[in-house]
Protein backbone atom coordinates (compact mmCIF):
# COMPACT_ATOMS: atom_id res chain seq x y z
CA MET A 1 76.58 83.85 89.25
CA LEU A 2 74.37 84.87 92.23
CA TRP A 3 72.01 87.31 90.30
CA ASP A 4 68.95 85.59 91.68
CA ARG A 5 70.03 86.32 95.51
CA PRO A 6 67.84 88.88 97.18
CA ALA A 7 69.39 92.21 98.15
CA GLN A 8 69.68 91.29 102.07
CA PHE A 9 71.86 88.36 100.95
CA PHE A 10 74.53 90.94 100.23
CA ALA A 11 74.06 93.18 103.15
CA ILE A 12 77.02 91.76 104.94
CA PRO A 13 78.19 93.68 108.25
CA PRO A 14 81.56 95.57 107.99
CA GLY A 15 84.51 93.57 108.69
CA ALA A 16 82.97 90.31 107.50
CA LEU A 17 82.61 88.42 104.24
CA ARG A 18 80.11 85.41 103.29
CA LEU A 19 81.63 82.24 102.09
CA ILE A 20 79.19 80.33 100.15
CA ARG A 21 79.63 76.96 98.18
CA ILE A 22 78.27 76.99 94.75
CA ASP A 23 77.72 74.14 92.30
CA ALA A 24 80.41 71.73 92.17
CA SER A 25 82.65 71.75 89.03
CA ALA A 26 82.00 69.50 86.31
CA GLU A 27 85.67 68.46 86.69
CA GLU A 28 85.76 65.47 89.20
CA GLY A 29 87.39 66.21 92.58
CA LYS A 30 86.88 70.14 92.43
CA GLU A 31 84.61 72.39 94.61
CA ARG A 32 84.16 76.06 94.24
CA TYR A 33 83.47 78.56 96.94
CA LEU A 34 82.87 82.49 96.71
CA PHE A 35 83.74 85.17 98.97
CA VAL A 36 80.91 87.56 98.91
CA GLY A 37 80.90 91.10 100.35
CA ASP A 38 83.05 94.29 100.38
CA ALA A 39 86.67 94.16 101.17
CA THR A 40 87.45 97.69 100.50
CA ALA A 41 86.12 99.20 103.78
CA GLY A 42 88.45 97.85 106.15
CA PRO A 43 90.29 94.30 107.39
CA VAL A 44 88.01 91.12 106.97
CA GLU A 45 88.01 89.65 110.48
CA ARG A 46 85.40 86.97 110.02
CA LEU A 47 83.55 84.78 107.65
CA ILE A 48 79.81 84.24 107.68
CA LEU A 49 78.76 80.67 106.70
CA ASP A 50 75.48 79.54 105.44
CA GLU A 51 73.57 77.29 107.70
CA GLY A 52 74.87 73.91 107.93
CA GLN A 53 77.91 74.79 105.93
CA THR A 54 81.39 74.27 107.32
CA LEU A 55 84.97 75.61 106.13
CA PRO A 56 86.62 73.24 104.02
CA PRO A 57 89.19 71.49 106.11
CA LYS A 58 92.90 70.95 105.42
CA ARG A 59 93.40 67.42 104.11
CA GLU A 60 95.99 65.74 106.38
CA ASP A 61 95.60 62.58 104.68
CA LEU A 62 96.97 63.70 101.27
CA ASP A 63 99.96 62.11 99.98
CA TYR A 64 102.06 65.16 99.80
CA PRO A 65 103.75 66.79 97.76
CA PHE A 66 100.97 67.93 95.66
CA ARG A 67 101.57 69.45 92.07
CA LEU A 68 99.17 72.17 91.11
CA LYS A 69 99.22 73.19 87.57
CA ILE A 70 97.90 76.56 86.69
CA ALA A 71 97.15 77.60 82.95
CA HIS A 72 96.75 81.28 82.36
CA PHE A 73 96.41 84.12 79.77
CA ASN A 74 95.72 87.82 79.86
CA ASP A 75 94.53 90.72 77.50
CA LEU A 76 93.01 88.34 74.89
CA HIS A 77 90.82 91.40 73.82
CA GLY A 78 88.57 89.04 71.87
CA HIS A 79 91.32 87.64 69.67
CA LEU A 80 89.66 84.04 69.83
CA THR A 81 90.65 83.69 66.22
CA TYR A 82 93.03 85.45 63.77
CA PHE A 83 91.49 86.83 60.66
CA GLN A 84 93.65 86.74 57.64
CA PRO A 85 93.16 87.20 53.96
CA ASP A 86 93.20 83.51 53.46
CA GLY A 87 90.76 82.86 56.31
CA ALA A 88 90.24 82.34 60.04
CA HIS A 89 93.32 80.92 62.06
CA PRO A 90 92.43 79.26 65.46
CA VAL A 91 93.67 81.01 68.65
CA PHE A 92 91.61 80.11 71.52
CA SER A 93 90.99 76.51 70.40
CA ARG A 94 94.76 75.84 70.85
CA MET A 95 94.62 77.08 74.28
CA ALA A 96 91.53 75.00 75.20
CA GLY A 97 93.00 72.13 73.72
CA TYR A 98 96.06 72.45 75.87
CA ILE A 99 94.00 73.04 78.95
CA ARG A 100 92.07 70.05 78.13
CA SER A 101 95.01 67.87 77.64
CA LEU A 102 96.41 68.96 81.17
CA ARG A 103 93.21 68.00 82.85
CA GLU A 104 92.71 64.67 80.96
CA ARG A 105 96.35 63.79 81.69
CA TYR A 106 96.01 64.45 85.63
CA ARG A 107 92.32 63.55 85.97
CA CYS A 108 93.12 60.28 87.90
CA HIS A 109 96.42 61.43 89.39
CA PRO A 110 95.86 61.84 93.16
CA GLN A 111 98.73 64.22 93.35
CA ARG A 112 98.02 66.54 90.51
CA GLY A 113 95.38 69.19 89.86
CA VAL A 114 94.70 71.91 87.17
CA LEU A 115 93.08 75.36 87.38
CA ALA A 116 92.87 77.68 84.38
CA PHE A 117 92.66 81.64 84.61
CA SER A 118 92.40 84.69 82.62
CA SER A 119 93.77 87.95 83.98
CA GLY A 120 91.24 90.16 82.21
CA ASP A 121 90.61 92.47 79.24
CA ASP A 122 88.79 89.59 77.53
CA ALA A 123 86.85 91.63 74.99
CA VAL A 124 87.05 94.71 73.10
CA GLY A 125 89.55 94.90 70.27
CA SER A 126 88.28 92.43 67.88
CA ILE A 127 85.45 91.85 65.31
CA PHE A 128 83.62 89.70 67.85
CA ASP A 129 82.70 92.90 69.58
CA ALA A 130 80.11 93.23 66.93
CA LEU A 131 78.17 90.59 68.69
CA LEU A 132 78.37 92.49 72.08
CA GLY A 133 76.31 95.14 70.81
CA TYR A 134 76.30 98.61 72.30
CA ASP A 135 73.65 98.52 74.97
CA GLU A 136 71.42 95.91 76.49
CA SER A 137 68.83 95.81 73.67
CA SER A 138 71.54 95.18 71.04
CA PHE A 139 73.52 92.75 73.16
CA ARG A 140 73.78 89.40 71.41
CA LEU A 141 76.52 87.44 73.23
CA HIS A 142 80.13 87.50 74.70
CA ALA A 143 82.13 85.52 72.55
CA ALA A 144 85.03 85.22 74.80
CA TYR A 145 83.10 84.46 77.94
CA ARG A 146 81.05 81.73 75.93
CA LEU A 147 84.29 80.06 74.80
CA TYR A 148 85.82 80.33 78.18
CA SER A 149 82.86 78.69 79.79
CA ALA A 150 82.92 76.01 77.32
CA ALA A 151 86.68 75.30 78.05
CA GLY A 152 85.97 75.05 81.63
CA LEU A 153 87.83 78.33 82.76
CA ASP A 154 87.80 78.64 86.60
CA ALA A 155 87.86 82.39 86.93
CA CYS A 156 88.65 85.75 85.25
CA ALA A 157 89.97 88.82 86.82
CA LEU A 158 87.94 92.00 85.64
CA GLY A 159 90.07 94.05 83.23
CA ASN A 160 89.65 97.92 82.61
CA HIS A 161 88.61 97.29 79.16
CA ASP A 162 85.84 94.82 80.09
CA LEU A 163 84.03 97.88 81.48
CA ASP A 164 84.55 99.86 77.95
CA LEU A 165 80.98 99.44 77.11
CA GLY A 166 79.64 99.80 80.52
CA ALA A 167 78.53 97.88 83.51
CA ARG A 168 75.01 97.16 82.25
CA LEU A 169 76.18 95.43 79.10
CA LEU A 170 78.98 93.53 81.15
CA ALA A 171 76.19 92.32 83.40
CA CYS A 172 74.31 90.81 80.31
CA ALA A 173 77.49 89.19 79.32
CA LEU A 174 78.11 87.61 82.67
CA ARG A 175 74.47 86.65 83.17
CA GLN A 176 74.05 84.74 79.74
CA ASP A 177 77.71 83.61 79.10
CA ALA A 178 79.82 83.33 82.14
CA SER A 179 79.86 79.99 84.15
CA PHE A 180 82.89 81.05 86.12
CA PRO A 181 83.39 83.81 88.63
CA LEU A 182 84.58 87.24 87.74
CA LEU A 183 87.05 88.63 90.52
CA THR A 184 87.88 92.11 91.54
CA ALA A 185 88.38 92.94 95.17
CA ASN A 186 89.18 96.64 94.76
CA LEU A 187 86.05 97.53 92.92
CA THR A 188 83.20 99.15 94.93
CA GLY A 189 79.79 100.90 94.18
CA CYS A 190 78.69 99.04 91.15
CA SER A 191 75.09 98.04 91.82
CA TRP A 192 74.55 97.00 88.23
CA LEU A 193 77.25 94.05 88.76
CA SER A 194 76.07 92.94 92.23
CA GLY A 195 75.83 89.13 92.34
CA GLY A 196 78.21 89.10 89.33
CA TYR A 197 81.53 89.78 90.75
CA PHE A 198 83.45 88.83 93.93
CA PRO A 199 86.56 89.83 95.85
CA ALA A 200 87.99 86.25 95.85
CA ALA A 201 87.23 82.55 95.22
CA LEU A 202 88.29 79.32 96.69
CA PHE A 203 88.88 76.15 94.84
CA VAL A 204 89.38 72.97 96.62
CA VAL A 205 91.33 70.70 94.05
CA LYS A 206 91.45 67.03 95.28
CA GLY A 207 91.64 68.32 98.80
CA VAL A 208 94.08 71.22 98.27
CA ARG A 209 92.61 74.44 98.85
CA VAL A 210 93.61 77.29 96.57
CA GLY A 211 92.43 80.95 97.36
CA VAL A 212 92.19 83.48 94.48
CA ILE A 213 92.04 87.20 94.97
CA GLY A 214 91.01 89.73 91.91
CA LEU A 215 92.44 93.00 91.37
CA THR A 216 91.73 95.63 88.60
CA THR A 217 93.44 98.82 87.71
CA PRO A 218 91.62 102.11 87.60
CA ALA A 219 93.75 103.12 84.56
CA GLN A 220 92.26 103.89 81.22
CA LEU A 221 89.02 103.11 82.47
CA ALA A 222 86.11 104.35 80.16
CA PRO A 223 83.67 106.71 81.71
CA GLN A 224 80.71 104.99 83.39
CA PRO A 225 77.74 107.18 83.00
CA ASP A 226 75.07 105.00 84.76
CA SER A 227 77.26 103.69 87.57
CA THR A 228 78.90 105.00 90.81
CA LEU A 229 81.72 102.46 90.48
CA HIS A 230 85.06 103.31 91.55
CA PHE A 231 88.39 101.55 92.52
CA VAL A 232 90.35 101.77 95.58
CA ASP A 233 93.95 101.10 96.82
CA PRO A 234 94.68 97.55 95.62
CA ILE A 235 97.52 96.99 98.36
CA GLN A 236 95.14 97.90 101.17
CA VAL A 237 92.42 95.54 99.81
CA VAL A 238 94.81 92.69 99.62
CA GLN A 239 95.94 93.28 103.22
CA ASN A 240 92.33 93.44 104.21
CA LEU A 241 91.63 90.02 102.60
CA LEU A 242 94.90 87.90 103.31
CA PRO A 243 94.26 86.86 106.89
CA VAL A 244 90.75 85.30 106.06
CA VAL A 245 91.87 84.04 102.72
CA LYS A 246 95.11 82.39 104.02
CA GLN A 247 93.07 80.97 107.02
CA THR A 248 91.05 78.89 104.55
CA SER A 249 93.79 78.10 101.97
CA ASP A 250 96.92 76.01 101.43
CA VAL A 251 97.86 78.09 98.26
CA VAL A 252 96.84 81.83 97.78
CA ILE A 253 97.09 83.61 94.23
CA VAL A 254 96.45 86.94 93.22
CA LEU A 255 94.83 87.27 89.79
CA SER A 256 95.63 90.82 88.88
CA HIS A 257 95.01 93.27 86.14
CA LEU A 258 96.99 96.01 87.80
CA GLY A 259 99.90 96.06 85.30
CA TYR A 260 103.52 95.08 86.01
CA SER A 261 104.76 98.26 87.73
CA LEU A 262 104.42 101.79 87.99
CA ALA A 263 107.38 102.07 85.71
CA SER A 264 105.73 100.25 82.84
CA THR A 265 105.47 102.30 79.71
CA SER A 266 103.44 99.80 77.50
CA ALA A 267 100.11 100.79 79.45
CA ARG A 268 99.33 103.25 82.10
CA VAL A 269 99.62 101.82 85.66
CA LEU A 270 97.88 103.80 88.45
CA GLY A 271 98.44 103.41 92.20
CA ALA A 272 100.34 100.21 91.96
CA GLY A 273 101.42 97.41 89.87
CA ASP A 274 102.22 93.91 90.57
CA ARG A 275 105.91 94.80 91.65
CA GLU A 276 104.68 97.49 94.08
CA LEU A 277 101.97 95.06 95.52
CA ALA A 278 104.63 92.21 95.90
CA ALA A 279 106.86 94.64 97.86
CA ALA A 280 104.19 95.95 100.06
CA LEU A 281 102.88 92.37 101.28
CA PRO A 282 104.58 90.36 103.89
CA HIS A 283 107.52 88.26 102.57
CA ALA A 284 106.05 85.36 100.40
CA ALA A 285 102.66 86.21 101.57
CA VAL A 286 101.06 84.58 98.38
CA GLN A 287 102.34 82.03 96.18
CA VAL A 288 102.12 83.88 92.94
CA ILE A 289 100.79 86.99 91.19
CA ILE A 290 99.30 86.15 87.94
CA GLY A 291 99.18 89.41 85.92
CA GLY A 292 97.93 91.46 82.92
CA HIS A 293 97.15 94.97 81.56
CA THR A 294 100.64 95.83 80.49
CA HIS A 295 101.04 93.13 77.84
CA HIS A 296 104.38 91.74 79.35
CA ALA A 297 105.59 88.36 78.19
CA LEU A 298 107.49 87.46 81.21
CA ASN A 299 109.63 84.55 81.94
CA GLU A 300 110.10 83.22 78.45
CA GLN A 301 113.10 81.26 79.43
CA GLY A 302 111.84 80.24 82.77
CA LEU A 303 111.26 82.20 85.91
CA SER A 304 113.53 85.23 86.03
CA PRO A 305 114.83 86.41 89.34
CA HIS A 306 113.93 89.93 88.27
CA ASN A 307 110.23 88.78 88.40
CA VAL A 308 110.59 87.45 92.06
CA VAL A 309 109.64 90.41 94.22
CA ASN A 310 109.80 90.00 98.21
CA GLY A 311 109.86 86.39 97.56
CA ILE A 312 106.58 86.40 95.33
CA PRO A 313 106.90 85.38 91.71
CA ILE A 314 105.03 87.58 89.16
CA VAL A 315 104.17 86.06 85.71
CA GLN A 316 102.29 87.53 82.82
CA ALA A 317 101.60 86.06 79.29
CA GLY A 318 101.84 88.99 76.74
CA LYS A 319 98.78 89.71 74.62
CA LEU A 320 96.12 88.85 72.06
CA GLY A 321 96.75 85.05 72.52
CA GLU A 322 100.40 85.32 71.79
CA PHE A 323 101.18 82.88 74.66
CA LEU A 324 99.57 80.45 77.19
CA GLY A 325 101.38 80.69 80.62
CA GLU A 326 101.75 77.57 82.98
CA VAL A 327 102.64 77.89 86.49
CA ASP A 328 103.67 74.70 88.74
CA ILE A 329 102.99 75.23 92.49
CA THR A 330 104.17 72.50 94.61
CA VAL A 331 102.27 71.86 97.82
CA GLY A 332 103.68 70.22 100.99
CA ARG A 333 102.24 69.78 104.47
CA ARG A 334 103.09 72.94 105.66
CA TRP A 335 104.37 74.94 102.56
CA ALA A 336 103.59 75.79 99.07
CA ALA A 337 106.03 77.32 96.36
CA VAL A 338 106.31 77.76 92.58
CA THR A 339 108.63 75.31 91.12
CA ASN A 340 108.23 75.92 87.46
CA VAL A 341 107.17 78.73 85.11
CA GLN A 342 106.90 78.64 81.31
CA LEU A 343 105.34 80.27 78.38
CA HIS A 344 103.89 78.20 75.39
CA ALA A 345 103.77 80.15 71.98
CA THR A 346 100.08 79.51 71.19
CA SER A 347 100.76 79.10 67.49
CA ARG A 348 102.79 75.98 68.38
CA LEU A 349 100.06 74.29 70.43
CA PRO A 350 97.91 71.87 68.38
CA VAL A 351 94.31 73.00 67.56
CA ASP A 352 91.55 71.24 69.49
CA GLN A 353 89.52 70.33 66.41
CA GLN A 354 86.38 69.25 68.31
CA PHE A 355 86.37 72.56 70.24
CA GLU A 356 86.89 74.51 67.11
CA ARG A 357 84.09 72.73 65.39
CA ASP A 358 81.63 72.78 68.18
CA CYS A 359 82.32 75.87 69.95
CA VAL A 360 84.21 78.43 67.68
CA GLN A 361 82.62 77.70 64.35
CA PRO A 362 79.07 78.54 65.38
CA LEU A 363 80.33 81.94 66.62
CA LEU A 364 81.99 82.60 63.29
CA HIS A 365 78.93 81.68 61.55
CA LYS A 366 77.12 84.47 63.72
CA ILE A 367 79.55 86.84 62.97
CA GLU A 368 79.99 86.43 59.22
CA PRO A 369 76.82 88.07 58.20
CA VAL A 370 77.16 91.10 60.57
CA LEU A 371 80.71 91.61 59.27
CA ALA A 372 79.58 91.33 55.65
CA GLU A 373 77.17 94.32 55.95
CA PRO A 374 78.22 96.86 53.21
CA LEU A 375 78.96 100.44 54.24
CA GLY A 376 79.89 101.94 50.98
CA ILE A 377 83.10 102.35 48.49
CA VAL A 378 86.67 102.98 49.34
CA ALA A 379 88.56 105.03 46.60
CA ASP A 380 91.55 103.56 44.87
CA GLU A 381 93.81 105.84 46.75
CA PRO A 382 97.44 104.67 47.76
CA ASP A 383 97.15 107.04 50.92
CA LEU A 384 94.51 104.73 52.36
CA SER A 385 96.47 101.52 52.06
CA ILE A 386 97.93 99.70 55.06
CA ASP A 387 101.64 100.22 54.02
CA VAL A 388 101.02 104.04 54.24
CA VAL A 389 99.02 103.86 57.32
CA ARG A 390 101.76 101.77 59.20
CA ASN A 391 104.87 103.75 57.82
CA GLU A 392 103.81 107.19 57.05
CA LEU A 393 100.95 108.17 59.54
CA ALA A 394 103.15 110.38 61.56
CA ALA A 395 105.36 111.71 58.85
CA ARG A 396 102.90 113.94 56.65
CA GLU A 397 99.35 114.85 56.03
CA SER A 398 97.11 111.67 55.91
CA ALA A 399 93.84 111.28 53.63
CA LEU A 400 92.58 108.74 56.07
CA CYS A 401 93.24 110.79 59.12
CA ASN A 402 91.67 113.90 57.57
CA PHE A 403 88.72 111.74 56.79
CA ILE A 404 88.29 110.47 60.28
CA ALA A 405 88.93 114.10 61.99
CA ASP A 406 86.42 115.76 59.76
CA ALA A 407 83.91 113.10 60.23
CA LEU A 408 84.17 113.43 63.99
CA VAL A 409 83.50 117.16 63.62
CA GLU A 410 80.23 116.56 61.64
CA ARG A 411 79.09 113.93 63.83
CA CYS A 412 79.63 115.88 67.10
CA ARG A 413 77.81 118.91 65.59
CA LEU A 414 75.03 116.75 64.42
CA ALA A 415 74.66 115.74 67.99
CA GLY A 416 74.50 119.35 69.20
CA ASP A 417 78.12 119.61 70.35
CA ALA A 418 79.65 122.85 69.61
CA VAL A 419 83.17 121.59 68.45
CA ASP A 420 85.60 123.87 66.74
CA PHE A 421 87.82 121.09 65.39
CA ALA A 422 88.93 117.43 66.07
CA ALA A 423 92.38 115.62 66.40
CA ILE A 424 93.26 112.04 66.33
CA ASP A 425 96.36 110.06 66.40
CA ALA A 426 97.60 106.49 65.43
CA SER A 427 95.75 104.94 68.50
CA SER A 428 92.72 105.60 66.50
CA ILE A 429 93.80 103.43 63.44
CA SER A 430 94.87 99.90 63.39
CA SER A 431 94.80 99.15 59.65
CA GLY A 432 94.40 100.74 56.45
CA LEU A 433 91.59 100.09 53.69
CA PRO A 434 91.98 98.10 50.37
CA PRO A 435 90.07 99.71 47.55
CA GLY A 436 86.43 98.53 46.65
CA LEU A 437 83.49 97.54 48.59
CA LEU A 438 83.80 98.59 52.42
CA THR A 439 82.09 96.16 54.85
CA LEU A 440 81.37 96.47 58.61
CA GLY A 441 84.47 94.01 58.99
CA ASP A 442 86.66 96.22 57.16
CA TRP A 443 86.12 99.21 59.41
CA PHE A 444 86.33 97.09 62.45
CA ALA A 445 89.81 96.18 61.45
CA VAL A 446 90.47 99.88 61.12
CA MET A 447 88.86 100.78 64.68
CA PRO A 448 88.91 97.57 66.72
CA TYR A 449 88.55 99.34 70.07
CA ALA A 450 85.67 100.99 71.86
CA ASP A 451 87.28 104.52 72.19
CA THR A 452 84.61 107.19 72.92
CA ILE A 453 84.66 110.84 71.87
CA GLN A 454 85.78 113.27 74.31
CA LEU A 455 85.32 117.16 74.13
CA CYS A 456 88.39 119.05 75.33
CA THR A 457 88.66 122.68 76.33
CA LEU A 458 91.54 124.71 75.56
CA THR A 459 92.49 128.32 74.76
CA GLY A 460 94.16 129.40 71.80
CA ARG A 461 97.25 129.89 73.53
CA GLN A 462 97.25 126.12 74.65
CA LEU A 463 96.41 125.09 71.04
CA GLU A 464 99.53 126.94 70.15
CA GLN A 465 101.60 125.14 72.56
CA LEU A 466 100.04 121.76 71.70
CA LEU A 467 100.93 122.41 67.91
CA HIS A 468 104.44 123.32 68.74
CA GLU A 469 104.88 120.27 70.83
CA ASN A 470 103.08 118.16 68.06
CA ALA A 471 105.80 119.36 65.74
CA ARG A 472 108.43 117.40 67.98
CA ARG A 473 106.35 114.38 67.83
CA VAL A 474 106.52 114.18 63.84
CA ASP A 475 108.63 111.22 62.47
CA ARG A 476 112.01 112.68 61.09
CA PRO A 477 113.47 110.94 58.03
CA ASP A 478 116.81 110.23 60.05
CA GLU A 479 115.10 108.60 63.00
CA VAL A 480 113.61 105.10 63.93
CA HIS A 481 109.78 105.39 63.98
CA LEU A 482 108.19 105.16 67.42
CA GLU A 483 104.75 105.97 68.49
CA ARG A 484 105.02 109.44 69.52
CA GLY A 485 101.44 110.47 69.53
CA PHE A 486 101.42 112.71 66.31
CA LEU A 487 98.23 114.60 66.06
CA HIS A 488 96.23 115.13 62.86
CA PHE A 489 93.65 117.84 62.91
CA SER A 490 90.40 118.40 61.01
CA ALA A 491 90.25 121.00 58.28
CA ALA A 492 89.66 124.06 60.55
CA VAL A 493 93.45 123.88 61.78
CA ARG A 494 96.09 124.59 59.30
CA TYR A 495 99.83 124.96 59.87
CA ARG A 496 103.39 124.09 58.71
CA ILE A 497 106.09 122.30 60.64
CA GLN A 498 109.43 123.59 60.53
CA LEU A 499 111.54 120.61 61.55
CA GLY A 500 114.82 122.45 62.29
CA ALA A 501 118.23 120.89 62.96
CA SER A 502 116.96 118.60 65.54
CA ARG A 503 113.62 117.42 67.27
CA GLU A 504 114.11 119.92 70.12
CA GLU A 505 114.05 122.80 67.46
CA ALA A 506 110.84 121.61 65.61
CA ARG A 507 108.02 124.14 65.68
CA ALA A 508 104.48 124.98 64.00
CA VAL A 509 104.22 127.98 62.11
CA ASP A 510 101.62 129.83 59.86
CA ILE A 511 98.92 128.59 62.15
CA THR A 512 95.23 129.33 61.24
CA VAL A 513 91.95 128.21 62.82
CA ASN A 514 89.04 128.73 60.60
CA GLY A 515 91.10 130.90 58.20
CA GLU A 516 92.15 133.40 60.96
CA PRO A 517 95.58 133.64 62.21
CA LEU A 518 95.85 131.73 65.84
CA CYS A 519 98.03 134.61 66.95
CA HIS A 520 94.71 136.65 67.07
CA GLN A 521 92.79 134.05 68.89
CA ARG A 522 95.28 133.13 71.81
CA GLU A 523 92.57 134.23 74.52
CA ARG A 524 89.75 132.49 72.74
CA THR A 525 88.38 129.01 74.24
CA PHE A 526 88.14 126.26 71.70
CA ILE A 527 86.39 122.92 71.86
CA MET A 528 88.32 119.86 70.35
CA ALA A 529 86.78 116.52 69.77
CA CYS A 530 89.28 113.56 70.17
CA PRO A 531 89.33 109.80 70.95
CA SER A 532 89.42 108.82 74.57
CA PHE A 533 92.64 106.91 73.87
CA THR A 534 94.45 109.90 72.30
CA HIS A 535 98.27 109.99 73.23
CA ALA A 536 97.85 106.82 75.38
CA LEU A 537 100.14 104.88 73.01
CA ALA A 538 102.97 107.64 73.37
CA ASN A 539 103.39 107.16 76.97
CA SER A 540 106.56 105.22 76.59
CA TRP A 541 108.12 107.71 74.47
CA GLU A 542 106.86 110.78 76.39
CA GLU A 543 108.37 109.46 79.53
CA THR A 544 112.01 109.29 78.00
CA VAL A 545 112.01 112.70 76.30
CA ARG A 546 109.51 114.98 78.44
CA ASN A 547 112.19 117.19 79.78
CA SER A 548 114.52 117.25 76.73
CA LEU A 549 111.71 118.23 74.58
CA ARG A 550 109.88 120.44 76.87
CA LEU A 551 106.57 118.59 76.60
CA ALA A 552 104.36 120.40 78.99
CA PHE A 553 100.92 118.55 78.42
CA ASN A 554 99.05 116.07 76.06
CA ALA A 555 95.41 115.34 75.59
CA HIS A 556 95.19 113.74 78.93
CA THR A 557 95.94 117.00 80.66
CA LEU A 558 93.04 119.01 79.10
CA PRO A 559 89.82 119.50 80.70
CA LYS A 560 87.30 117.31 79.10
CA LYS A 561 83.72 115.93 78.83
CA ASP A 562 83.00 112.52 77.67
CA THR A 563 80.27 112.16 75.13
CA HIS A 564 79.85 108.28 75.83
CA ARG A 565 79.51 108.06 72.03
CA LEU A 566 81.97 105.56 70.27
CA VAL A 567 84.20 106.75 67.71
CA ARG A 568 83.66 103.65 65.69
CA ASN A 569 79.80 103.85 65.84
CA GLU A 570 80.06 107.65 64.60
CA LEU A 571 82.32 106.77 61.77
CA ILE A 572 80.22 103.99 60.70
CA ALA A 573 77.21 106.36 60.53
CA TYR A 574 79.42 108.99 58.75
CA ILE A 575 80.47 106.34 56.23
CA ARG A 576 76.96 105.25 55.67
CA ALA A 577 75.61 108.71 55.18
CA HIS A 578 78.39 109.61 52.70
CA GLY A 579 78.62 106.48 50.51
CA GLY A 580 82.07 105.34 51.66
CA VAL A 581 85.59 106.52 51.99
CA THR A 582 86.20 108.63 49.03
CA ALA A 583 87.77 111.98 48.12
CA GLU A 584 84.18 113.30 48.03
CA SER A 585 83.43 112.17 51.55
CA GLY A 586 86.63 113.63 52.81
CA ALA A 587 89.54 111.21 52.19
CA ARG A 588 91.91 113.36 50.58
CA ARG A 589 94.90 115.52 51.36
CA ASP A 590 94.07 119.39 51.28
CA GLY A 591 97.13 120.99 52.35
CA ARG A 592 96.05 121.36 55.95
CA LEU A 593 99.45 120.34 57.11
CA ALA A 594 102.89 121.02 55.41
CA VAL A 595 106.24 119.83 56.82
CA ASP A 596 109.49 121.61 55.57
CA TRP A 597 111.77 118.59 54.91
CA ASP A 598 114.73 120.65 53.80
């Protein structure tokens, strides 16, 4: 938002932040200010104001109490529309319509105000990613940011996956498509985003001053080869910021993409989650933490006492547009408190037909020719179907997994990487493939995320241990399916799984690598290619069984180098080169894995 400011504008002394007023909001009765500077170095003790500017004063003449309504969502991952065989079904148009209805309802009400926020991870995970491109030259637009701007969103927190395609591409998106501030107080060292993100913002809504602090998790962060960015302790940063933000605010909100807590298993949380943050702050130091990252649907039946930590309510609205959250904050002359919390099922909200027609449909028209691009042919093979992918992926050898793993090996070797074999798990595959013509859109459905290829180094002895542990991850016929991170290997690795009487007794036998018994190669060093998210979906299961199953390590524990090449892009190139997903191109079972079911 401040891209045109000279470098000296951002040269702010330690212990200070600059507070600037930006253009007034299109919504009547709202002013916007940004806190500019580095909040990570230490306590912020003073504010620098532009010449002639004064701090927005507290309104003593307001007829209190004032009711502030907050609409919020998180982890949309580009799911602005649900694509089904019968067509596109609106998602964000429902959210935008509800936000607009709130604003219209309270526009002329002197004691009501509305703000709308996203807690991050706004792209990466849907076919709209095709419009993002993969670098500055191929960037077209950021569909989510464009729609958020059209809907009048007030601010977004930076999510870890918002950086999946790199800081340079995110800067392109912010410059072109974001009319709102991107907030993250615990990020530092990112010159590409200078002028595009801020530690906090201040909104004055009909005289009520609302300070908003943004936070981002460093967990599951894609490598940033062109940036020295890093994240610091979020608790310390909030403590650095709180005195100066509270000085200028009647209400303080933390817009967090840290995750719910360190105990969360739906996504990795590092350093602190929202619960740990709330516990570390002074009692009721902020009015609410609006969270994201761990995809929790909190407070579906109203605010739960379990989600109030140290006097601070914590809210979160699920994932992928399932819910739109709403928080009421009642503001008195000397106090402010959350008085109502609810989640609205997005599917039950009416579609804003005008927004859908004027804002969403033009994006759909842009994406249609991209997604319709033919890549090749999919063989009429039941093992490639979505039913098999969903139900049998971790129970036996898979033609689709063989295809992907073998493709990774070929693509890595073409790039000059001395890869011995590859491995993937269910995190790489979101859907199956119908037979017939394969389009770019079809493959986006299979691989919607921006995972990169990583090269892991391991010895033969470690590979043997990894395969033994992999045998304990396989789906057993008498157990409920859970995501356990079962690995599928490329053709160089062949072995048999003996299930034993229990999961604890399962083991890998008859292991060969490139036709030679692994027992003769235990001291050899191998290079294994795998997607960057490998084993991440198994975090929850691993935490419950690590000791009983003697799980010593997973893909995250191995030394690795990131290639910065997207798995999806490499598979698309492989499919184009080989004419599709067929037995001839590697989509077949060849006996590399056998499971003894008896």
